[in-house]
C-alpha cells in the first residue's frame, strides 16, 4: 500500500509540472523586469492558462527557442563587452 501512495505522489508532482513552469516564467519576469522577459508572463496569462487543456507542443517549442535565443544573445553581448574592456 505504501508503494502505491509513493507512486501516486509522484504522479501528482508530474501532472502539476506545468504550474511550476508557469510560476517560474512569472518569477523570471519579476526578477529580470525588462522587455526581454516580457513575453513570458504574456505567454502564461495570455495563452497557456486560457487553454482548456494543456498548451500544444508548438507553444513549448516556441518558448524554448525564444529562451535559447535570449541566452545566446546575452552570451554574445557578454563576450563582446568583456573583449572590449581588456
N, C-alpha and C. Protein backbone atom coordinates (compact mmCIF):
# COMPACT_ATOMS: atom_id res chain seq x y z
N UNK A 1 0.82 -1.19 0.00
CA UNK A 1 0.00 0.00 0.00
C UNK A 1 0.87 1.27 0.00
N UNK A 2 1.97 1.23 0.76
CA UNK A 2 2.85 2.40 0.84
C UNK A 2 3.49 2.70 -0.51
N UNK A 3 3.81 1.66 -1.26
CA UNK A 3 4.41 1.86 -2.58
C UNK A 3 3.42 2.54 -3.51
N UNK A 4 2.15 2.20 -3.42
CA UNK A 4 1.14 2.84 -4.26
C UNK A 4 0.95 4.30 -3.88
N UNK A 5 1.07 4.62 -2.60
CA UNK A 5 0.98 6.01 -2.17
C UNK A 5 2.15 6.84 -2.69
N UNK A 6 3.34 6.27 -2.63
CA UNK A 6 4.52 6.97 -3.17
C UNK A 6 4.39 7.16 -4.67
N UNK A 7 3.91 6.14 -5.36
CA UNK A 7 3.71 6.24 -6.80
C UNK A 7 2.67 7.30 -7.14
N UNK A 8 1.60 7.35 -6.37
CA UNK A 8 0.56 8.36 -6.58
C UNK A 8 1.11 9.75 -6.33
N UNK A 9 1.95 9.91 -5.31
CA UNK A 9 2.55 11.21 -5.03
C UNK A 9 3.39 11.68 -6.21
N UNK A 10 4.18 10.79 -6.80
CA UNK A 10 5.00 11.17 -7.94
C UNK A 10 4.14 11.51 -9.16
N UNK A 11 3.03 10.83 -9.34
CA UNK A 11 2.11 11.17 -10.43
C UNK A 11 1.51 12.56 -10.22
N UNK A 12 1.22 12.90 -8.98
CA UNK A 12 0.70 14.23 -8.68
C UNK A 12 1.74 15.29 -9.01
N UNK A 13 2.98 15.06 -8.63
CA UNK A 13 4.05 16.03 -8.91
C UNK A 13 4.26 16.17 -10.42
N UNK A 14 4.28 15.05 -11.13
CA UNK A 14 4.50 15.09 -12.57
C UNK A 14 3.35 15.80 -13.28
N UNK A 15 2.13 15.59 -12.83
CA UNK A 15 0.98 16.19 -13.51
C UNK A 15 0.87 17.68 -13.25
N UNK A 16 1.53 18.20 -12.22
CA UNK A 16 1.46 19.63 -11.95
C UNK A 16 2.72 20.37 -12.36
N UNK A 17 3.54 19.78 -13.21
CA UNK A 17 4.76 20.45 -13.64
C UNK A 17 4.48 21.70 -14.45
N UNK A 18 3.38 21.72 -15.20
CA UNK A 18 3.10 22.91 -15.99
C UNK A 18 2.85 24.11 -15.07
N UNK A 19 2.25 23.89 -13.92
CA UNK A 19 2.05 25.00 -12.98
C UNK A 19 3.38 25.51 -12.43
N UNK A 20 4.31 24.61 -12.18
CA UNK A 20 5.63 25.03 -11.73
C UNK A 20 6.36 25.81 -12.82
N UNK A 21 6.19 25.41 -14.06
CA UNK A 21 6.82 26.12 -15.18
C UNK A 21 6.21 27.51 -15.33
N UNK A 22 4.88 27.60 -15.22
CA UNK A 22 4.23 28.91 -15.30
C UNK A 22 4.72 29.83 -14.19
N UNK A 23 4.83 29.31 -12.98
CA UNK A 23 5.31 30.12 -11.86
C UNK A 23 6.74 30.58 -12.08
N UNK A 24 7.59 29.72 -12.63
CA UNK A 24 8.97 30.12 -12.88
C UNK A 24 9.06 31.16 -13.99
N UNK A 25 8.16 31.11 -14.96
CA UNK A 25 8.17 32.13 -16.01
C UNK A 25 7.77 33.49 -15.45
N UNK A 26 6.78 33.53 -14.57
CA UNK A 26 6.38 34.78 -13.95
C UNK A 26 7.48 35.28 -13.00
N UNK A 27 8.10 34.37 -12.28
CA UNK A 27 9.21 34.73 -11.39
C UNK A 27 10.38 35.31 -12.19
N UNK A 28 10.62 34.77 -13.37
CA UNK A 28 11.68 35.31 -14.23
C UNK A 28 11.38 36.75 -14.61
N UNK A 29 10.14 37.04 -14.91
CA UNK A 29 9.76 38.42 -15.24
C UNK A 29 9.92 39.33 -14.03
N UNK A 30 9.61 38.81 -12.86
CA UNK A 30 9.71 39.60 -11.65
C UNK A 30 11.18 39.92 -11.34
N UNK A 31 12.07 38.97 -11.51
CA UNK A 31 13.49 39.17 -11.22
C UNK A 31 14.18 39.99 -12.31
N UNK A 32 13.88 39.74 -13.56
CA UNK A 32 14.55 40.38 -14.68
C UNK A 32 13.58 41.29 -15.43
N UNK A 33 12.98 42.20 -14.71
CA UNK A 33 11.97 43.06 -15.32
C UNK A 33 12.57 43.82 -16.49
N UNK A 34 12.04 43.60 -17.67
CA UNK A 34 12.51 44.27 -18.86
C UNK A 34 11.77 43.77 -20.08
N UNK A 35 12.08 44.36 -21.19
CA UNK A 35 11.38 43.99 -22.43
C UNK A 35 11.74 42.59 -22.89
N UNK A 36 12.94 42.12 -22.54
CA UNK A 36 13.36 40.79 -22.99
C UNK A 36 12.53 39.70 -22.34
N UNK A 37 12.22 39.85 -21.06
CA UNK A 37 11.46 38.81 -20.36
C UNK A 37 9.96 39.07 -20.36
N UNK A 38 9.50 40.08 -21.04
CA UNK A 38 8.07 40.39 -21.11
C UNK A 38 7.23 39.30 -21.78
N UNK A 39 7.72 38.60 -22.79
CA UNK A 39 6.89 37.55 -23.41
C UNK A 39 6.52 36.39 -22.48
N UNK A 40 7.27 36.17 -21.41
CA UNK A 40 6.95 35.05 -20.51
C UNK A 40 5.60 35.23 -19.81
N UNK A 41 5.35 36.34 -19.11
CA UNK A 41 4.02 36.45 -18.49
C UNK A 41 2.90 36.61 -19.52
N UNK A 42 3.22 37.21 -20.65
CA UNK A 42 2.19 37.30 -21.70
C UNK A 42 1.83 35.91 -22.20
N UNK A 43 2.84 35.06 -22.37
CA UNK A 43 2.58 33.69 -22.81
C UNK A 43 1.81 32.91 -21.76
N UNK A 44 2.14 33.13 -20.49
CA UNK A 44 1.46 32.38 -19.44
C UNK A 44 0.01 32.84 -19.30
N UNK A 45 -0.19 34.14 -19.12
CA UNK A 45 -1.54 34.63 -18.86
C UNK A 45 -2.35 34.82 -20.13
N UNK A 46 -1.68 35.09 -21.23
CA UNK A 46 -2.40 35.36 -22.47
C UNK A 46 -2.75 34.12 -23.27
N UNK A 47 -2.04 33.04 -23.04
CA UNK A 47 -2.30 31.86 -23.86
C UNK A 47 -2.41 30.58 -23.04
N UNK A 48 -1.39 30.29 -22.25
CA UNK A 48 -1.30 28.98 -21.60
C UNK A 48 -2.43 28.73 -20.61
N UNK A 49 -2.76 29.72 -19.80
CA UNK A 49 -3.81 29.50 -18.82
C UNK A 49 -5.21 29.58 -19.41
N UNK A 50 -5.33 30.14 -20.61
CA UNK A 50 -6.64 30.22 -21.25
C UNK A 50 -6.99 28.96 -22.04
N UNK A 51 -6.01 28.11 -22.26
CA UNK A 51 -6.27 26.85 -22.94
C UNK A 51 -7.09 25.94 -22.04
N UNK A 52 -8.06 25.27 -22.63
CA UNK A 52 -8.87 24.35 -21.84
C UNK A 52 -8.06 23.14 -21.40
N UNK A 53 -7.24 22.65 -22.30
CA UNK A 53 -6.33 21.56 -21.96
C UNK A 53 -4.92 22.14 -21.88
N UNK A 54 -3.94 21.28 -21.81
CA UNK A 54 -2.56 21.77 -21.80
C UNK A 54 -2.23 22.42 -23.13
N UNK A 55 -1.30 23.39 -23.11
CA UNK A 55 -0.89 24.01 -24.38
C UNK A 55 -0.25 22.98 -25.31
N UNK A 56 -0.38 23.23 -26.59
CA UNK A 56 0.14 22.30 -27.59
C UNK A 56 1.67 22.31 -27.58
N UNK A 57 2.25 21.36 -28.27
CA UNK A 57 3.71 21.22 -28.35
C UNK A 57 4.34 22.46 -28.99
N UNK A 58 3.65 23.08 -29.92
CA UNK A 58 4.16 24.28 -30.59
C UNK A 58 4.44 25.40 -29.59
N UNK A 59 3.58 25.56 -28.59
CA UNK A 59 3.78 26.59 -27.57
C UNK A 59 5.09 26.37 -26.83
N UNK A 60 5.34 25.14 -26.40
CA UNK A 60 6.55 24.85 -25.64
C UNK A 60 7.79 24.96 -26.52
N UNK A 61 7.68 24.57 -27.77
CA UNK A 61 8.80 24.71 -28.69
C UNK A 61 9.15 26.19 -28.90
N UNK A 62 8.13 27.00 -29.06
CA UNK A 62 8.35 28.43 -29.24
C UNK A 62 8.99 29.07 -28.00
N UNK A 63 8.52 28.73 -26.83
CA UNK A 63 9.10 29.27 -25.59
C UNK A 63 10.54 28.80 -25.43
N UNK A 64 10.80 27.54 -25.72
CA UNK A 64 12.16 27.01 -25.60
C UNK A 64 13.10 27.69 -26.58
N UNK A 65 12.66 27.90 -27.82
CA UNK A 65 13.51 28.57 -28.82
C UNK A 65 13.75 30.02 -28.45
N UNK A 66 12.74 30.71 -27.94
CA UNK A 66 12.91 32.09 -27.52
C UNK A 66 13.92 32.19 -26.37
N UNK A 67 13.81 31.29 -25.39
CA UNK A 67 14.72 31.31 -24.26
C UNK A 67 16.14 31.01 -24.70
N UNK A 68 16.31 30.05 -25.59
CA UNK A 68 17.64 29.73 -26.10
C UNK A 68 18.23 30.91 -26.85
N UNK A 69 17.43 31.56 -27.67
CA UNK A 69 17.89 32.73 -28.43
C UNK A 69 18.34 33.84 -27.48
N UNK A 70 17.57 34.11 -26.45
CA UNK A 70 17.92 35.17 -25.50
C UNK A 70 19.20 34.82 -24.74
N UNK A 71 19.34 33.56 -24.34
CA UNK A 71 20.56 33.15 -23.64
C UNK A 71 21.80 33.27 -24.52
N UNK A 72 21.69 32.88 -25.79
CA UNK A 72 22.82 33.00 -26.71
C UNK A 72 23.14 34.47 -26.95
N UNK A 73 22.11 35.29 -27.11
CA UNK A 73 22.31 36.72 -27.31
C UNK A 73 23.01 37.36 -26.11
N UNK A 74 22.59 37.00 -24.91
CA UNK A 74 23.25 37.53 -23.71
C UNK A 74 24.70 37.06 -23.62
N UNK A 75 24.95 35.81 -24.01
CA UNK A 75 26.32 35.29 -24.01
C UNK A 75 27.19 36.07 -24.98
N UNK A 76 26.69 36.32 -26.19
CA UNK A 76 27.46 37.05 -27.19
C UNK A 76 27.75 38.47 -26.71
N UNK A 77 26.74 39.15 -26.16
CA UNK A 77 26.97 40.51 -25.66
C UNK A 77 27.94 40.51 -24.49
N UNK A 78 27.88 39.48 -23.65
CA UNK A 78 28.80 39.41 -22.53
C UNK A 78 30.24 39.19 -23.03
N UNK A 79 30.41 38.33 -24.01
CA UNK A 79 31.75 38.10 -24.56
C UNK A 79 32.29 39.33 -25.28
N UNK A 80 31.44 40.01 -26.02
CA UNK A 80 31.88 41.21 -26.75
C UNK A 80 32.22 42.32 -25.78
N UNK A 81 31.41 42.54 -24.74
CA UNK A 81 31.72 43.61 -23.79
C UNK A 81 32.96 43.25 -22.96
N UNK A 82 33.17 42.00 -22.65
CA UNK A 82 34.37 41.59 -21.93
C UNK A 82 35.62 41.74 -22.78
N UNK A 83 35.49 41.51 -24.09
CA UNK A 83 36.61 41.64 -25.02
C UNK A 83 37.00 43.10 -25.16
N UNK A 84 36.02 44.00 -25.20
CA UNK A 84 36.31 45.42 -25.38
C UNK A 84 36.93 46.05 -24.13
N UNK A 85 36.67 45.51 -22.96
CA UNK A 85 37.18 46.12 -21.74
C UNK A 85 38.62 45.73 -21.46
N UNK A 86 39.15 44.72 -22.15
CA UNK A 86 40.53 44.28 -21.90
C UNK A 86 41.52 45.11 -22.65
